[in-house]
Amino acid sequence: MVHSLRARLLLWLLVPLAAFVVVTSGVSYDAARQTADLLQDHALLDSARTIIEDVGWVDGALNATIPPAALELFESPWQDHVFYKVLAGNGRLLGGAPDLPPPSASSAVQPVFYDSAYAGQPIRAVAYERLLYDSGRAERVTVIVGKTIASRQAMIDGLWRPQLLRQWLMLGLVVLLVPLGLTLELRPLMKLKDDVADREPAQLEPIRPDHLPSELRPIVDAINQCIARLKVHAAMQRQFIADAAHQLRTPLALLTTQTQFASQCDAHDPALFDALKGVRRTSQKMAELTNQLLLLAQAESMATSSRAQTRVDLTEVVASVLEEMVHAAERRDIDLGADLAECVPVAGNKGLLASLVANLIDNAIRYTQNGGRVTAICRCEEGEAMLQVVDNGPGIPAEARAHVFERFYRVAADTEGTGLGLAIVHQVARSHGGSVNVAAGAERVGLVATVRLPVLAG
């Protein structure tokens, strides 16, 4: 298989052109042969007519006198041999070669041209008949003239070979000039390759399509689209690292302070117990924050990769998460309910979908007042998988709803949390081809978080 674009283009040019040269060579040879045959047949017929015009009656008998002009028609530098025979109607030989072969069929109306052999050589011959009258009597006279084919073949070669030479010369020029032209015309492609290869890893500026052929501009557009996606992804990664560093700086500083304080306390000092308790609380918060950051990074990487997804029953995922959240709801005396369809199949990552559900329910429990109510609803609706978490808590102000999916955004600063819960929900839903939104509950009481995902067919 030819992998070079230059070689493939040259092949596409040469194969049809070579086929054209072969076909036209055959057509040219056939035209040259027909022309040579036509000229030769005309010469043979003219010779036969000249001979038959000089056949006459002498003393009541036919007599054939062959004029030199009848045979001079065939003079050529190729030393052709000319043969003739004149026959009377009764088969009597009036002149010429007696064993010159006649045609297989004769015609009293038209001359008969035929190919034969004589004296061990191929010949082209014509048989021409004519009625001669004398004193009321008529007798048929047949003249046969044959000639070797050396001049005919020379004429064919003279007509055909120059055309063949010109055609093959043209093919040779194509072989020489087309690679040169392809090399010159493919230079923009090589320059584009060099522009892409020579870029620094952090250089994510689009390629300028100026002075590029129109055929290359779709390629440049596709590369620029890829660069734009890479730029967005790189910006997200930089922002992610900056946010993570900012959020981890505070608990790390606090953990250092608590550790230093604990190291200065006496082993029996009650303050040591409080300091160690603070260290444990800070460590738990850091572990929670780290886990949330890893979940967010996993969801983002899934959105930019073509990882294969599996069939997941969203109802089963919601039921499993509710079982884990029961104790957290009981501690706050919150009524945790569910309205689940029998089966809601979606395509996705089961672990990420579980984190989506857990963050929604955890947020609802965390922000709902003691004695409140949280309900998880999962069903198919209008050809989509719909998950809703409804609570009767204080809700979210309308002006804050546009920001709740941002990283580290918190509506209430006095509530424990990392500020990543809804950001994870948004990213997981997006990576699964879905959407999420929050709205006020019925009669503007509480909050309704709704996630919609594509249903898996079949």
Protein backbone atom coordinates (compact mmCIF):
# COMPACT_ATOMS: atom_id res chain seq x y z
CA MET A 1 0.00 0.00 0.00
CA VAL A 2 1.32 3.46 -0.96
CA HIS A 3 1.24 5.79 2.06
CA SER A 4 2.82 8.85 0.44
CA LEU A 5 0.30 11.47 -0.63
CA ARG A 6 2.64 12.60 -3.42
CA ALA A 7 2.98 9.02 -4.71
CA ARG A 8 -0.77 8.42 -4.53
CA LEU A 9 -1.56 11.61 -6.45
CA LEU A 10 1.08 10.70 -9.05
CA LEU A 11 -0.44 7.23 -9.33
CA TRP A 12 -3.93 8.68 -9.83
CA LEU A 13 -2.53 10.85 -12.65
CA LEU A 14 -0.30 8.27 -14.34
CA VAL A 15 -2.66 5.29 -14.37
CA PRO A 16 -5.48 7.06 -16.30
CA LEU A 17 -2.96 8.81 -18.54
CA ALA A 18 -1.14 5.56 -19.32
CA ALA A 19 -4.48 3.89 -20.07
CA PHE A 20 -5.33 6.82 -22.35
CA VAL A 21 -1.99 6.49 -24.17
CA VAL A 22 -2.50 2.74 -24.65
CA VAL A 23 -6.04 3.20 -25.97
CA THR A 24 -5.11 6.09 -28.28
CA SER A 25 -2.10 4.13 -29.53
CA GLY A 26 -4.40 1.29 -30.53
CA VAL A 27 -6.86 3.71 -32.13
CA SER A 28 -4.00 5.48 -33.99
CA TYR A 29 -2.66 2.17 -35.26
CA ASP A 30 -6.10 1.15 -36.49
CA ALA A 31 -6.56 4.51 -38.23
CA ALA A 32 -3.10 4.22 -39.84
CA ARG A 33 -3.88 0.69 -41.01
CA GLN A 34 -7.19 1.75 -42.53
CA THR A 35 -5.52 4.67 -44.31
CA ALA A 36 -2.75 2.43 -45.68
CA ASP A 37 -5.29 -0.19 -46.79
CA LEU A 38 -7.40 2.46 -48.49
CA LEU A 39 -4.44 3.91 -50.42
CA GLN A 40 -3.13 0.48 -51.35
CA ASP A 41 -6.56 -0.71 -52.53
CA HIS A 42 -6.99 2.43 -54.63
CA ALA A 43 -3.62 1.80 -56.27
CA LEU A 44 -4.48 -1.84 -56.96
CA LEU A 45 -7.85 -0.89 -58.47
CA ASP A 46 -6.31 1.86 -60.61
CA SER A 47 -3.75 -0.63 -61.89
CA ALA A 48 -6.44 -3.23 -62.68
CA ARG A 49 -8.52 -0.63 -64.56
CA THR A 50 -5.48 0.52 -66.53
CA ILE A 51 -4.73 -3.06 -67.54
CA ILE A 52 -8.32 -3.93 -68.47
CA GLU A 53 -8.64 -0.78 -70.59
CA ASP A 54 -5.82 -2.05 -72.80
CA VAL A 55 -7.45 -5.46 -73.40
CA GLY A 56 -9.04 -5.47 -76.85
CA TRP A 57 -10.19 -7.54 -79.82
CA VAL A 58 -7.63 -8.50 -82.45
CA ASP A 59 -8.88 -10.57 -85.40
CA GLY A 60 -11.90 -11.65 -83.35
CA ALA A 61 -9.86 -12.75 -80.37
CA LEU A 62 -9.11 -11.02 -77.11
CA ASN A 63 -5.59 -9.69 -76.73
CA ALA A 64 -3.98 -8.18 -73.58
CA THR A 65 -1.16 -5.67 -73.86
CA ILE A 66 0.05 -4.56 -70.44
CA PRO A 67 1.18 -0.92 -70.46
CA PRO A 68 4.16 0.03 -68.23
CA ALA A 69 2.03 2.72 -66.52
CA ALA A 70 -0.15 0.02 -64.97
CA LEU A 71 2.73 -1.25 -62.90
CA GLU A 72 4.55 2.03 -62.33
CA LEU A 73 1.83 2.98 -59.85
CA PHE A 74 3.50 0.67 -57.33
CA GLU A 75 7.01 2.02 -57.52
CA SER A 76 8.34 2.58 -54.00
CA PRO A 77 11.61 2.43 -52.08
CA TRP A 78 10.46 -0.73 -50.28
CA GLN A 79 10.95 -3.03 -53.31
CA ASP A 80 7.42 -4.43 -53.43
CA HIS A 81 6.71 -7.18 -55.96
CA VAL A 82 3.69 -6.77 -58.23
CA PHE A 83 1.85 -9.69 -59.82
CA TYR A 84 -1.04 -9.71 -62.31
CA LYS A 85 -3.13 -12.09 -64.34
CA VAL A 86 -5.65 -11.48 -67.12
CA LEU A 87 -8.27 -14.17 -67.81
CA ALA A 88 -10.87 -14.43 -70.53
CA GLY A 89 -14.36 -15.60 -69.74
CA ASN A 90 -13.57 -19.20 -70.74
CA GLY A 91 -10.62 -19.27 -68.34
CA ARG A 92 -8.05 -18.66 -71.07
CA LEU A 93 -4.95 -16.87 -69.78
CA LEU A 94 -4.37 -13.66 -71.67
CA GLY A 95 -1.27 -12.63 -69.72
CA GLY A 96 0.49 -12.52 -66.38
CA ALA A 97 1.21 -15.15 -63.73
CA PRO A 98 -0.96 -18.22 -64.31
CA ASP A 99 -0.81 -19.42 -60.67
CA LEU A 100 -1.77 -16.10 -59.06
CA PRO A 101 -4.58 -17.12 -56.65
CA PRO A 102 -8.08 -15.79 -57.44
CA PRO A 103 -10.53 -14.57 -54.75
CA SER A 104 -12.74 -17.08 -52.99
CA ALA A 105 -15.80 -15.27 -54.34
CA SER A 106 -16.24 -13.06 -57.39
CA SER A 107 -18.56 -10.16 -58.18
CA ALA A 108 -19.58 -8.91 -61.62
CA VAL A 109 -20.56 -5.57 -60.18
CA GLN A 110 -17.90 -4.54 -57.66
CA PRO A 111 -14.13 -5.11 -57.45
CA VAL A 112 -13.16 -7.79 -54.93
CA PHE A 113 -10.24 -7.03 -52.58
CA TYR A 114 -8.68 -9.91 -50.70
CA ASP A 115 -5.56 -11.05 -48.84
CA SER A 116 -3.65 -14.07 -50.05
CA ALA A 117 -0.14 -15.46 -50.47
CA TYR A 118 1.99 -15.92 -53.56
CA ALA A 119 5.57 -17.10 -53.99
CA GLY A 120 5.82 -17.56 -50.26
CA GLN A 121 4.92 -13.93 -49.52
CA PRO A 122 1.71 -12.36 -48.22
CA ILE A 123 0.00 -10.19 -50.81
CA ARG A 124 -2.94 -7.85 -51.15
CA ALA A 125 -4.92 -8.34 -54.37
CA VAL A 126 -7.94 -7.11 -56.28
CA ALA A 127 -10.08 -8.96 -58.85
CA TYR A 128 -11.82 -6.71 -61.39
CA GLU A 129 -14.26 -7.96 -64.04
CA ARG A 130 -15.55 -6.29 -67.17
CA LEU A 131 -17.59 -7.28 -70.24
CA LEU A 132 -15.94 -6.59 -73.62
CA TYR A 133 -18.08 -6.42 -76.80
CA ASP A 134 -17.14 -7.13 -80.42
CA SER A 135 -19.57 -7.46 -83.38
CA GLY A 136 -22.50 -8.32 -81.17
CA ARG A 137 -20.67 -10.74 -79.02
CA ALA A 138 -19.57 -10.14 -75.41
CA GLU A 139 -16.99 -11.85 -73.30
CA ARG A 140 -16.11 -11.35 -69.62
CA VAL A 141 -12.52 -10.40 -68.81
CA THR A 142 -11.07 -10.67 -65.29
CA VAL A 143 -7.97 -8.80 -64.19
CA ILE A 144 -6.22 -9.79 -60.95
CA VAL A 145 -3.49 -7.54 -59.55
CA GLY A 146 -1.58 -8.41 -56.38
CA LYS A 147 1.22 -6.71 -54.50
CA THR A 148 3.39 -7.58 -51.50
CA ILE A 149 2.69 -5.58 -48.34
CA ALA A 150 6.08 -4.04 -47.54
CA SER A 151 5.04 -0.54 -48.60
CA ARG A 152 1.74 -0.91 -46.79
CA GLN A 153 3.50 -1.79 -43.53
CA ALA A 154 5.96 1.05 -44.05
CA MET A 155 3.06 3.46 -44.56
CA ILE A 156 1.41 2.22 -41.37
CA ASP A 157 4.64 2.72 -39.47
CA GLY A 158 5.11 6.16 -40.97
CA LEU A 159 1.62 7.24 -39.92
CA TRP A 160 1.49 5.54 -36.53
CA ARG A 161 4.95 5.73 -34.98
CA PRO A 162 5.22 9.55 -34.84
CA GLN A 163 1.91 9.70 -32.99
CA LEU A 164 3.01 6.91 -30.66
CA LEU A 165 6.29 8.71 -30.01
CA ARG A 166 4.49 11.97 -29.21
CA GLN A 167 2.10 10.25 -26.82
CA TRP A 168 4.80 8.40 -24.92
CA LEU A 169 6.92 11.53 -24.86
CA MET A 170 3.98 13.34 -23.28
CA LEU A 171 3.67 10.55 -20.71
CA GLY A 172 7.38 10.84 -19.94
CA LEU A 173 7.08 14.60 -19.46
CA VAL A 174 4.19 14.01 -17.07
CA VAL A 175 6.30 11.55 -15.07
CA LEU A 176 9.06 14.17 -14.84
CA LEU A 177 7.02 17.34 -14.30
CA VAL A 178 4.10 16.18 -12.14
CA PRO A 179 6.30 15.17 -9.13
CA LEU A 180 7.99 18.56 -9.39
CA GLY A 181 4.61 20.30 -9.48
CA LEU A 182 3.32 18.21 -6.57
CA THR A 183 6.42 19.05 -4.55
CA LEU A 184 5.91 22.76 -5.17
CA GLU A 185 2.16 22.68 -4.51
CA LEU A 186 2.50 20.56 -1.35
CA ARG A 187 4.88 23.03 0.26
CA PRO A 188 2.00 24.78 2.14
CA LEU A 189 1.07 21.41 3.64
CA MET A 190 4.68 20.83 4.74
CA LYS A 191 4.79 24.35 6.18
CA LEU A 192 1.55 23.70 8.07
CA LYS A 193 3.07 20.48 9.44
CA ASP A 194 6.16 22.39 10.58
CA ASP A 195 4.02 25.10 12.20
CA VAL A 196 2.18 22.50 14.26
CA ALA A 197 5.28 20.41 15.08
CA ASP A 198 7.41 23.39 16.14
CA ARG A 199 4.89 24.74 18.64
CA GLU A 200 5.66 24.80 22.34
CA PRO A 201 3.40 22.65 24.55
CA ALA A 202 1.86 25.76 26.13
CA GLN A 203 1.37 27.59 22.82
CA LEU A 204 -2.36 27.24 22.26
CA GLU A 205 -2.92 30.07 19.82
CA PRO A 206 -4.92 29.28 16.64
CA ILE A 207 -3.13 28.78 13.34
CA ARG A 208 -3.62 31.62 10.86
CA PRO A 209 -5.07 30.32 7.57
CA ASP A 210 -3.71 33.25 5.54
CA HIS A 211 -2.05 32.37 2.23
CA LEU A 212 -3.17 28.74 2.51
CA PRO A 213 -4.95 26.95 -0.37
CA SER A 214 -8.69 26.58 0.08
CA GLU A 215 -8.30 22.78 0.33
CA LEU A 216 -6.16 23.16 3.48
CA ARG A 217 -8.43 25.61 5.28
CA PRO A 218 -10.89 22.94 6.57
CA ILE A 219 -7.89 21.11 8.07
CA VAL A 220 -6.67 24.32 9.71
CA ASP A 221 -10.20 25.01 10.99
CA ALA A 222 -10.34 21.52 12.54
CA ILE A 223 -6.91 22.00 14.14
CA ASN A 224 -7.98 25.40 15.49
CA GLN A 225 -11.13 23.87 16.97
CA CYS A 226 -9.00 21.22 18.67
CA ILE A 227 -6.63 23.93 19.96
CA ALA A 228 -9.61 25.88 21.31
CA ARG A 229 -10.86 22.81 23.19
CA LEU A 230 -7.37 22.17 24.54
CA LYS A 231 -7.15 25.82 25.63
CA VAL A 232 -10.44 25.58 27.51
CA HIS A 233 -9.37 22.31 29.11
CA ALA A 234 -5.98 23.75 30.10
CA ALA A 235 -7.69 26.81 31.58
CA MET A 236 -10.03 24.56 33.55
CA GLN A 237 -7.09 22.56 34.86
CA ARG A 238 -5.21 25.71 35.88
CA GLN A 239 -8.31 27.06 37.60
CA PHE A 240 -8.85 23.71 39.29
CA ILE A 241 -5.29 23.65 40.63
CA ALA A 242 -5.56 27.27 41.81
CA ASP A 243 -8.88 26.65 43.54
CA ALA A 244 -7.64 23.45 45.17
CA ALA A 245 -4.48 25.15 46.40
CA HIS A 246 -6.51 28.06 47.79
CA GLN A 247 -9.01 25.82 49.56
CA LEU A 248 -6.37 23.49 51.02
CA ARG A 249 -4.19 26.36 52.27
CA THR A 250 -6.57 27.26 55.14
CA PRO A 251 -7.04 23.76 56.66
CA LEU A 252 -3.31 23.05 56.29
CA ALA A 253 -2.43 26.26 58.15
CA LEU A 254 -5.02 25.44 60.79
CA LEU A 255 -3.72 21.89 61.12
CA THR A 256 -0.16 23.20 61.57
CA THR A 257 -1.27 25.64 64.26
CA GLN A 258 -3.26 22.99 66.11
CA THR A 259 -0.34 20.57 65.96
CA GLN A 260 2.10 23.19 67.31
CA PHE A 261 -0.29 24.07 70.11
CA ALA A 262 -0.77 20.41 71.02
CA SER A 263 2.99 19.85 71.11
CA GLN A 264 3.32 22.63 73.72
CA CYS A 265 0.62 21.27 76.04
CA ASP A 266 1.21 19.01 79.01
CA ALA A 267 0.09 15.41 78.58
CA HIS A 268 -2.63 15.89 81.21
CA ASP A 269 -3.71 19.35 80.07
CA PRO A 270 -7.41 19.39 78.96
CA ALA A 271 -6.41 21.81 76.18
CA LEU A 272 -4.43 18.97 74.58
CA PHE A 273 -7.63 16.97 74.12
CA ASP A 274 -9.37 19.95 72.50
CA ALA A 275 -6.37 20.52 70.20
CA LEU A 276 -6.30 16.86 69.11
CA LYS A 277 -10.06 16.97 68.55
CA GLY A 278 -9.55 20.01 66.32
CA VAL A 279 -6.76 18.20 64.44
CA ARG A 280 -9.11 15.28 63.79
CA ARG A 281 -11.90 17.59 62.64
CA THR A 282 -9.56 19.49 60.34
CA SER A 283 -8.16 16.23 58.93
CA GLN A 284 -11.66 14.97 58.21
CA LYS A 285 -12.50 18.21 56.45
CA MET A 286 -9.32 17.96 54.36
CA ALA A 287 -10.13 14.34 53.47
CA GLU A 288 -13.67 15.34 52.45
CA LEU A 289 -12.35 18.23 50.38
CA THR A 290 -9.74 16.02 48.71
CA ASN A 291 -12.34 13.38 47.86
CA GLN A 292 -14.63 16.03 46.38
CA LEU A 293 -11.80 17.46 44.32
CA LEU A 294 -10.90 14.01 42.99
CA LEU A 295 -14.56 13.37 42.08
CA LEU A 296 -14.71 16.67 40.23
CA ALA A 297 -11.48 15.90 38.37
CA GLN A 298 -12.80 12.44 37.44
CA ALA A 299 -16.05 13.92 36.11
CA GLU A 300 -14.13 16.50 34.05
CA SER A 301 -11.82 13.86 32.60
CA MET A 302 -14.83 11.73 31.63
CA ALA A 303 -16.32 14.70 29.78
CA THR A 304 -13.20 15.06 27.61
CA SER A 305 -12.55 11.37 26.97
CA SER A 306 -14.29 8.69 24.90
CA ARG A 307 -14.40 6.18 27.75
CA ALA A 308 -16.92 3.38 27.20
CA GLN A 309 -20.03 3.71 29.36
CA THR A 310 -22.12 0.86 30.77
CA ARG A 311 -25.79 0.37 31.50
CA VAL A 312 -26.77 1.73 34.91
CA ASP A 313 -30.16 1.53 36.63
CA LEU A 314 -30.57 5.04 38.05
CA THR A 315 -33.34 3.85 40.38
CA GLU A 316 -31.00 1.31 41.93
CA VAL A 317 -28.31 3.97 42.40
CA VAL A 318 -30.77 6.36 44.12
CA ALA A 319 -32.06 3.60 46.42
CA SER A 320 -28.50 2.64 47.42
CA VAL A 321 -27.57 6.26 48.23
CA LEU A 322 -30.76 6.77 50.25
CA GLU A 323 -29.85 3.79 52.43
CA GLU A 324 -26.49 5.41 53.20
CA MET A 325 -28.09 8.78 53.98
CA VAL A 326 -30.75 7.50 56.37
CA HIS A 327 -28.61 7.96 59.49
CA ALA A 328 -27.60 11.50 58.51
CA ALA A 329 -31.31 12.38 58.07
CA GLU A 330 -32.29 10.75 61.36
CA ARG A 331 -29.71 12.80 63.28
CA ARG A 332 -31.50 15.94 62.07
CA ASP A 333 -35.00 14.41 62.41
CA ILE A 334 -35.52 14.87 58.66
CA ASP A 335 -38.14 12.80 56.86
CA LEU A 336 -36.18 11.21 54.00
CA GLY A 337 -38.61 9.83 51.43
CA ALA A 338 -38.49 8.42 47.90
CA ASP A 339 -40.73 8.10 44.85
CA LEU A 340 -38.86 5.74 42.52
CA ALA A 341 -39.91 4.12 39.25
CA GLU A 342 -39.23 0.41 38.79
CA CYS A 343 -36.30 0.86 36.38
CA VAL A 344 -34.71 3.93 34.80
CA PRO A 345 -31.79 2.77 32.57
CA VAL A 346 -29.06 5.22 31.59
CA ALA A 347 -25.58 4.87 30.08
CA GLY A 348 -22.78 6.06 32.33
CA ASN A 349 -20.37 5.55 35.18
CA LYS A 350 -22.10 4.08 38.23
CA GLY A 351 -19.66 5.60 40.72
CA LEU A 352 -20.01 9.11 39.31
CA LEU A 353 -23.80 8.84 39.15
CA ALA A 354 -23.81 7.73 42.80
CA SER A 355 -21.72 10.80 43.72
CA LEU A 356 -24.21 13.00 41.83
CA VAL A 357 -27.15 11.58 43.80
CA ALA A 358 -25.22 11.67 47.12
CA ASN A 359 -24.26 15.32 46.72
CA LEU A 360 -27.82 16.37 45.89
CA ILE A 361 -29.31 14.53 48.89
CA ASP A 362 -26.46 15.61 51.20
CA ASN A 363 -26.99 19.27 50.22
CA ALA A 364 -30.72 18.95 50.84
CA ILE A 365 -30.18 17.37 54.29
CA ARG A 366 -27.40 19.83 55.18
CA TYR A 367 -29.41 22.97 54.38
CA THR A 368 -32.90 21.81 55.47
CA GLN A 369 -33.94 22.72 59.02
CA ASN A 370 -34.37 20.08 61.71
CA GLY A 371 -37.67 18.26 61.34
CA GLY A 372 -37.84 19.08 57.65
CA ARG A 373 -38.58 16.87 54.67
CA VAL A 374 -36.40 15.65 51.75
CA THR A 375 -37.80 13.53 48.91
CA ALA A 376 -35.93 11.86 46.04
CA ILE A 377 -37.93 11.26 42.84
CA CYS A 378 -36.67 9.15 39.94
CA ARG A 379 -38.66 8.26 36.83
CA CYS A 380 -38.74 8.45 33.04
CA GLU A 381 -40.38 11.60 31.74
CA GLU A 382 -40.74 12.73 28.11
CA GLY A 383 -38.12 10.28 26.91
CA GLU A 384 -35.55 11.30 29.53
CA ALA A 385 -34.41 9.98 32.88
CA MET A 386 -35.43 12.53 35.50
CA LEU A 387 -34.02 12.74 39.02
CA GLN A 388 -35.45 15.31 41.46
CA VAL A 389 -34.47 16.06 45.04
CA VAL A 390 -37.16 18.17 46.75
CA ASP A 391 -36.86 19.72 50.18
CA ASN A 392 -38.87 22.21 52.26
CA GLY A 393 -35.84 24.09 53.58
CA PRO A 394 -35.03 27.80 53.17
CA GLY A 395 -34.22 27.38 49.48
CA ILE A 396 -31.78 29.49 47.51
CA PRO A 397 -32.33 33.17 46.64
CA ALA A 398 -33.05 33.75 42.95
CA GLU A 399 -29.93 35.89 42.49
CA ALA A 400 -27.71 33.10 43.88
CA ARG A 401 -29.07 30.27 41.74
CA ALA A 402 -26.91 31.28 38.77
CA HIS A 403 -23.77 30.73 40.88
CA VAL A 404 -24.55 27.57 42.83
CA PHE A 405 -22.79 25.33 40.26
CA GLU A 406 -19.54 27.27 40.54
CA ARG A 407 -16.68 25.70 42.46
CA PHE A 408 -16.41 26.62 46.14
CA TYR A 409 -19.51 28.84 45.98
CA ARG A 410 -21.51 28.61 49.18
CA VAL A 411 -24.87 30.25 49.77
CA ALA A 412 -24.56 30.17 53.57
CA ALA A 413 -21.08 30.67 55.02
CA ASP A 414 -22.08 29.34 58.45
CA THR A 415 -22.90 25.85 57.12
CA GLU A 416 -20.26 23.14 56.91
CA GLY A 417 -19.32 21.99 53.44
CA THR A 418 -16.71 22.25 50.73
CA GLY A 419 -18.66 24.28 48.18
CA LEU A 420 -18.06 21.57 45.56
CA GLY A 421 -21.23 19.49 45.85
CA LEU A 422 -23.34 21.16 43.16
CA ALA A 423 -20.25 21.76 40.99
CA ILE A 424 -19.73 17.98 40.98
CA VAL A 425 -23.42 17.41 40.21
CA HIS A 426 -23.23 19.82 37.27
CA GLN A 427 -20.03 18.27 35.87
CA VAL A 428 -21.26 14.66 36.23
CA ALA A 429 -24.57 15.49 34.54
CA ARG A 430 -22.73 17.27 31.73
CA SER A 431 -20.29 14.38 31.23
CA HIS A 432 -23.29 12.04 30.83
CA GLY A 433 -24.94 14.26 28.22
CA GLY A 434 -27.50 15.64 30.65
CA SER A 435 -28.37 18.87 32.45
CA VAL A 436 -29.18 20.09 35.96
CA ASN A 437 -31.07 23.09 37.31
CA VAL A 438 -32.43 24.33 40.61
CA ALA A 439 -35.71 26.11 41.19
CA ALA A 440 -37.95 27.15 44.04
CA GLY A 441 -40.33 24.52 45.39
CA ALA A 442 -44.10 24.60 45.39
CA GLU A 443 -45.47 27.91 46.71
CA ARG A 444 -41.86 29.18 46.80
CA VAL A 445 -41.04 26.88 49.73
CA GLY A 446 -37.82 24.88 49.69
CA LEU A 447 -35.77 23.89 46.66
CA VAL A 448 -36.18 21.48 43.74
CA ALA A 449 -32.97 20.22 42.07
CA THR A 450 -33.70 18.49 38.77
CA VAL A 451 -31.26 16.33 36.74
CA ARG A 452 -32.19 15.09 33.28
CA LEU A 453 -30.17 12.36 31.52
CA PRO A 454 -30.65 10.50 28.22
CA VAL A 455 -32.51 7.21 28.66
CA LEU A 456 -30.65 4.15 27.41
CA ALA A 457 -32.69 2.56 24.61
CA GLY A 458 -33.37 -1.16 24.77
